[in-house]
Protein backbone atom coordinates (compact mmCIF):
# COMPACT_ATOMS: atom_id res chain seq x y z
CA MET A 1 63.16 34.89 48.37
CA ALA A 2 66.41 35.88 50.37
CA PHE A 3 68.23 39.70 49.69
CA PRO A 4 71.79 40.19 49.56
CA LEU A 5 73.22 42.08 52.54
CA ALA A 6 74.19 45.60 52.07
CA ASN A 7 77.92 46.11 51.74
CA PRO A 8 79.47 47.24 54.98
CA ASP A 9 81.76 49.49 53.09
CA ARG A 10 79.50 50.73 51.01
CA LEU A 11 76.97 51.97 53.97
CA LYS A 12 80.05 53.40 56.13
CA LEU A 13 80.68 55.63 53.05
CA GLN A 14 76.98 56.60 52.40
CA HIS A 15 76.83 57.49 56.43
CA HIS A 16 80.39 59.35 55.98
CA ALA A 17 78.81 61.68 53.21
CA GLU A 18 75.83 62.34 55.10
CA GLU A 19 78.00 63.40 58.03
CA GLN A 20 79.97 65.68 56.12
CA ARG A 21 77.04 67.23 54.29
CA ASN A 22 75.43 67.90 57.97
CA LEU A 23 78.35 69.75 59.03
CA LYS A 24 78.44 72.24 56.40
CA PRO A 25 77.06 75.63 56.99
CA GLY A 26 73.25 75.57 56.32
CA HIS A 27 72.64 72.19 57.21
CA CYS A 28 74.54 72.13 60.54
CA ASN A 29 71.61 74.84 61.86
CA LYS A 30 68.68 72.32 62.60
CA PHE A 31 71.13 70.17 64.60
CA LEU A 32 71.80 73.41 67.54
CA HIS A 33 68.99 73.64 70.32
CA ALA A 34 69.02 77.04 71.79
CA VAL A 35 67.86 76.49 75.88
CA ILE A 36 66.16 79.95 76.64
CA ASP A 37 65.46 80.67 80.34
CA PRO A 38 61.66 82.38 80.02
CA ALA A 39 62.77 85.59 81.75
CA PHE A 40 65.13 86.44 78.83
CA LEU A 41 61.71 86.55 76.57
CA ARG A 42 60.12 89.39 78.53
CA GLU A 43 59.61 92.77 77.11
CA PRO A 44 60.67 94.72 75.80
CA HIS A 45 64.16 93.12 74.89
CA GLY A 46 62.88 89.29 74.00
CA ALA A 47 60.19 89.82 71.31
CA GLN A 48 62.66 88.93 68.02
CA LEU A 49 64.42 86.30 69.52
CA LEU A 50 62.26 83.40 68.97
CA PRO A 51 61.62 84.83 65.14
CA LYS A 52 65.18 85.07 64.75
CA LEU A 53 66.09 81.55 65.61
CA ALA A 54 63.27 80.16 63.71
CA GLU A 55 64.64 81.97 60.36
CA LEU A 56 67.79 80.46 61.44
CA GLY A 57 66.51 77.15 61.73
CA CYS A 58 67.57 76.78 65.08
CA LYS A 59 65.36 74.84 67.20
CA TYR A 60 65.06 76.39 70.62
CA GLU A 61 63.36 75.30 74.08
CA LEU A 62 62.22 77.00 76.96
CA SER A 63 63.76 75.93 80.49
CA ALA A 64 64.42 77.59 83.67
CA GLN A 65 68.18 78.00 83.73
CA PRO A 66 70.89 78.01 86.87
CA ALA A 67 70.93 82.00 86.08
CA PRO A 68 67.97 83.79 85.26
CA THR A 69 67.82 85.61 81.64
CA THR A 70 70.58 83.12 80.28
CA ILE A 71 70.83 81.23 77.01
CA THR A 72 73.17 78.21 76.67
CA PHE A 73 73.27 75.87 73.78
CA TYR A 74 73.50 72.12 72.94
CA ARG A 75 73.81 69.86 69.65
CA THR A 76 72.35 66.80 68.75
CA VAL A 77 74.56 64.78 66.99
CA PRO A 78 73.10 63.01 64.38
CA ALA A 79 73.25 59.01 64.81
CA LYS A 80 76.86 57.42 64.55
CA LEU A 81 77.84 54.42 63.03
CA THR A 82 80.47 52.58 65.69
CA PRO A 83 83.10 50.37 65.15
CA ALA A 84 80.72 47.62 66.56
CA GLY A 85 78.15 48.02 64.05
CA THR A 86 75.44 50.16 66.02
CA MET A 87 74.39 53.47 65.98
CA THR A 88 74.25 55.83 68.46
CA ASP A 89 73.07 59.56 69.11
CA THR A 90 74.75 61.53 71.48
CA THR A 91 73.86 65.48 72.79
CA VAL A 92 77.02 67.84 72.91
CA HIS A 93 76.88 70.55 75.42
CA GLU A 94 78.19 73.88 73.80
CA PRO A 95 80.75 75.87 76.07
CA PHE A 96 78.97 79.08 75.38
CA ALA A 97 76.02 81.22 77.32
CA VAL A 98 74.30 84.23 76.79
CA HIS A 99 73.47 86.57 79.74
CA LEU A 100 71.06 89.71 79.66
CA LEU A 101 71.29 93.07 81.91
CA ASP A 102 68.80 95.46 81.68
CA GLY A 103 70.29 99.06 81.71
CA GLY A 104 68.91 99.85 85.36
CA THR A 105 70.61 96.83 87.11
CA LEU A 106 73.72 97.45 85.26
CA ALA A 107 73.82 100.94 86.67
CA ALA A 108 73.22 99.78 90.03
CA TYR A 109 75.70 96.95 89.67
CA VAL A 110 78.16 99.40 88.94
CA ARG A 111 77.45 102.59 91.14
CA ASN A 112 77.63 99.65 94.25
CA ARG A 113 81.01 97.99 92.52
CA GLN A 114 79.10 94.79 92.14
CA LEU A 115 79.41 94.10 88.65
CA LEU A 116 82.40 91.81 88.57
CA ALA A 117 81.10 89.85 91.42
CA ALA A 118 77.36 89.28 89.74
CA VAL A 119 79.40 88.35 86.99
CA ARG A 120 81.15 85.82 88.70
CA SER A 121 78.27 84.22 90.61
CA VAL A 122 76.66 83.65 86.64
CA LYS A 123 79.80 82.13 85.42
CA GLU A 124 79.87 79.86 88.74
CA ALA A 125 76.39 78.50 88.11
CA LEU A 126 77.62 77.65 84.07
CA PRO A 127 80.88 76.15 84.33
CA GLY A 128 82.80 75.46 81.43
CA ARG A 129 80.80 78.04 79.65
CA ARG A 130 82.50 81.16 77.95
CA LEU A 131 79.93 83.96 78.72
CA SER A 132 78.46 86.76 76.71
CA LEU A 133 76.91 89.69 78.40
CA LEU A 134 74.42 91.95 76.77
CA VAL A 135 73.26 95.05 78.38
CA PHE A 136 69.55 96.16 77.12
CA GLY A 137 68.39 99.40 77.18
CA LEU A 138 71.53 101.51 79.20
CA VAL A 139 71.61 104.49 76.99
CA ALA A 140 67.64 104.70 77.34
CA TYR A 141 67.73 104.05 81.09
CA CYS A 142 70.67 106.94 81.76
CA ARG A 143 68.40 109.50 79.43
CA VAL A 144 65.77 109.15 82.12
CA HIS A 145 67.99 108.88 85.07
CA ARG A 146 70.60 110.86 84.28
CA GLY A 147 73.33 111.23 86.62
CA CYS A 148 72.74 107.66 87.57
CA VAL A 149 76.07 106.55 86.97
CA GLY A 150 79.18 107.66 84.97
CA ARG A 151 80.62 106.79 81.60
CA ARG A 152 84.16 106.25 82.92
CA GLU A 153 82.63 104.15 85.65
CA THR A 154 80.62 101.95 83.38
CA GLU A 155 83.65 101.69 80.89
CA GLN A 156 85.82 100.82 83.93
CA ALA A 157 83.58 98.11 85.22
CA LEU A 158 82.99 96.50 81.69
CA THR A 159 86.77 96.33 81.07
CA GLU A 160 87.39 94.69 84.41
CA VAL A 161 84.87 91.74 83.36
CA GLN A 162 86.55 91.47 80.07
CA LEU A 163 90.14 91.35 81.85
CA TYR A 164 89.30 88.94 84.87
CA GLU A 165 86.36 87.12 83.66
CA ASP A 166 87.13 86.69 80.06
CA THR A 167 83.31 87.98 79.55
CA SER A 168 82.94 89.96 76.50
CA HIS A 169 79.99 92.56 76.28
CA GLN A 170 77.54 94.11 73.70
CA LEU A 171 75.27 97.21 74.53
CA LEU A 172 72.16 96.97 73.06
CA GLU A 173 69.04 99.14 72.62
CA THR A 174 66.35 97.52 70.50
CA ASP A 175 64.61 94.21 70.73
CA GLU A 176 65.64 93.53 67.00
CA GLN A 177 69.65 93.53 68.02
CA VAL A 178 69.28 91.00 70.75
CA GLY A 179 67.49 88.79 68.38
CA ASN A 180 70.56 89.27 65.66
CA PHE A 181 73.32 88.70 68.50
CA VAL A 182 71.59 85.93 69.67
CA ALA A 183 70.63 84.56 66.01
CA GLN A 184 74.84 85.08 64.86
CA LEU A 185 76.32 83.95 68.07
CA ALA A 186 73.89 80.67 67.48
CA ARG A 187 74.93 80.22 63.54
CA ALA A 188 78.53 80.59 65.02
CA ILE A 189 78.58 77.84 67.19
CA ALA A 190 76.53 75.47 64.87
CA GLU A 191 79.39 76.14 62.24
CA ARG A 192 82.04 75.75 64.57
CA PRO A 193 82.86 71.84 63.84
CA TYR A 194 83.03 72.59 60.24
CA LYS A 195 85.24 75.42 60.64
CA GLN A 196 87.59 73.34 63.08
CA GLN A 197 87.52 70.50 60.41
CA GLN A 198 88.68 72.94 57.65
CA LEU A 199 91.25 74.14 60.15
CA ASP A 200 92.86 70.72 60.66
CA LYS A 201 92.46 70.00 56.98
CA TYR A 202 94.40 73.12 56.04
CA SER A 203 96.66 73.59 58.77
CA CYS A 204 99.67 75.62 59.10
CA ASP A 205 101.36 76.35 55.37
CA GLN A 206 98.64 73.89 53.72
CA VAL A 207 96.26 76.29 54.71
CA TYR A 208 97.44 78.81 51.52
CA LEU A 209 98.84 75.91 49.36
CA GLY A 210 95.72 74.00 49.45
CA ASN A 211 91.89 75.30 49.28
CA GLU A 212 88.78 74.18 47.95
CA LYS A 213 87.89 77.90 46.38
CA LYS A 214 88.20 78.70 42.74
CA GLY A 215 91.75 80.10 41.69
CA CYS A 216 93.69 78.00 44.61
CA VAL A 217 96.02 75.42 44.24
CA ARG A 218 96.33 72.15 45.90
CA VAL A 219 99.58 70.90 46.91
CA GLU A 220 99.99 67.28 48.15
CA GLY A 221 103.55 65.97 48.34
CA THR A 222 105.02 66.92 44.85
CA ALA A 223 101.83 67.15 43.21
CA GLY A 224 100.45 70.27 42.45
CA LEU A 225 103.98 72.47 42.44
CA GLN A 226 104.40 72.82 38.77
CA GLN A 227 100.53 74.27 38.77
CA LEU A 228 101.79 76.42 42.12
CA TYR A 229 104.92 77.74 40.31
CA GLN A 230 102.75 78.80 37.05
CA ALA A 231 99.98 80.47 39.08
CA GLN A 232 102.37 82.43 41.23
CA LEU A 233 103.78 83.75 38.13
CA ILE A 234 100.41 84.53 36.61
CA LYS A 235 99.83 86.82 39.87
CA ILE A 236 102.92 89.55 38.46
CA PRO A 237 101.41 92.22 36.69
CA SER A 238 101.80 91.82 33.05
CA VAL A 239 102.57 88.14 33.20
CA THR A 240 100.17 86.18 30.86
CA LEU A 241 99.98 82.57 31.05
CA GLU A 242 102.37 82.55 27.66
CA ILE A 243 105.12 84.47 29.72
CA ALA A 244 104.84 82.33 32.44
CA GLU A 245 105.08 78.82 29.94
CA ALA A 246 108.10 80.63 28.66
CA ILE A 247 109.57 81.02 31.91
CA MET A 248 108.95 77.90 32.92
CA GLY A 249 110.35 76.12 29.82
CA ALA A 250 113.71 77.64 30.54
CA TYR A 251 113.57 77.53 34.53
CA PRO A 252 111.05 74.56 35.26
CA THR A 253 111.09 74.86 39.05
CA VAL A 254 111.15 78.24 41.52
CA ARG A 255 114.62 76.70 42.84
CA SER A 256 116.11 76.73 39.36
CA LEU A 257 115.17 80.12 38.97
CA LEU A 258 116.58 81.43 42.14
CA GLU A 259 119.86 79.69 41.17
CA GLY A 260 120.14 81.42 37.80
CA PHE A 261 119.39 84.63 39.78
CA ARG A 262 122.31 83.99 42.29
CA ALA A 263 124.41 82.64 39.37
CA ALA A 264 123.95 85.83 37.28
CA GLY A 265 124.59 88.35 40.10
CA GLN A 266 122.99 91.60 40.91
CA ALA A 267 124.76 92.98 37.57
CA ASP A 268 123.12 90.31 35.25
CA GLY A 269 120.50 89.17 37.41
CA PRO A 270 117.59 91.86 36.51
CA LEU A 271 118.42 90.77 32.70
CA LEU A 272 118.50 87.29 32.99
CA LEU A 273 114.49 86.60 31.61
CA ALA A 274 114.73 89.75 29.28
CA ASN A 275 116.04 87.47 25.85
CA VAL A 276 113.44 84.32 26.84
CA SER A 277 111.13 83.88 24.01
CA ILE A 278 107.69 83.64 24.16
CA ARG A 279 105.76 81.30 22.02
CA ARG A 280 102.21 82.65 20.54
CA ALA A 281 99.36 80.36 21.74
CA GLY A 282 101.45 77.48 22.04
CA GLY A 283 102.78 77.52 18.24
CA PRO A 284 106.50 77.31 17.25
CA ILE A 285 108.97 79.98 17.54
CA THR A 286 108.97 82.13 14.54
CA THR A 287 111.41 84.75 13.13
CA ALA A 288 109.28 87.25 14.74
CA ASN A 289 109.15 86.21 18.25
CA ARG A 290 108.20 88.14 21.19
CA ARG A 291 110.86 88.73 24.34
CA ILE A 292 110.13 88.85 27.94
CA GLY A 293 111.88 92.20 27.62
CA PRO A 294 114.16 93.70 30.15
CA GLU A 295 111.33 95.60 32.07
CA LEU A 296 109.66 92.80 32.76
CA SER A 297 112.43 90.69 33.84
CA ARG A 298 113.79 93.79 36.14
CA LYS A 299 110.49 93.05 38.07
CA ILE A 300 110.19 89.31 38.07
CA TYR A 301 113.99 89.43 39.64
CA SER A 302 112.58 92.22 42.04
CA LEU A 303 109.84 90.16 43.22
CA TYR A 304 112.30 86.94 43.68
CA GLY A 305 115.78 88.48 44.54
CA SER A 306 114.25 91.44 47.09
CA THR A 307 114.34 91.09 50.55
CA ASN A 308 112.84 94.35 51.16
CA PRO A 309 109.31 94.21 52.14
CA LYS A 310 107.89 97.70 50.92
CA GLN A 311 109.94 96.69 47.44
CA GLU A 312 107.80 98.41 44.53
CA LEU A 313 107.81 96.37 41.30
């Protein structure tokens, strides 16, 4: 008995939906791998690292790194459908790394003016990666070894590292802080493709006009401009949906409203909307109808006509 072949287009759609789901926060963590140098896990700084990564859902493995006490990351990209119809499974190395120094080592580097050279050698061992420097227990070390190194010297050395080697630093004192920092960095790396996709999707002006969150208006071409105009009016204090509909009935677009203000001039512009009638809940205009009034008309005129960024409505 012969079975009909699955529709290739349907398979592509299913694969695309699965791919998008795997990119989303929460799902993407399971595809990120942290490669940890065994020296990073030594006490007292490494006790909380593995539990924090496990809690995040991120995979990890122990392997000697080119620079000791270092963590690197890579991502396993789920099987992908190629134009030829075959499936691929690829690994992407992430351009980030974490290097840990204990307080005593940092103090010695600063005292001997070797910190910049030490960080540079770590970066040379990890080419193409942006380095984050974790300094563990510096405060505790300086309390025990008073006068070992000056605060100003330390700050200057860390600033040089940041300026010349583009390397950020974190001063941490507990193993929990170390675990939290690495887990936060791992989460940010895991969510990076999704956030990049969102940035590309809503680039430049579209990032404000189109969004997937509640209360935002998606604009594509001319579709959605009326809803955006209405939403803009409703944001003005005291403007209800009925008032917005009344304004849009008299001036269907923002351009027509602006042209009306310009035509009326500075003398009559503030009162342009004062006599616009408001329908109650979409009903007919009765003899006792409401009007927008001069006060609200002046506010709307100020909003659309003022060039002063500090103008108060």
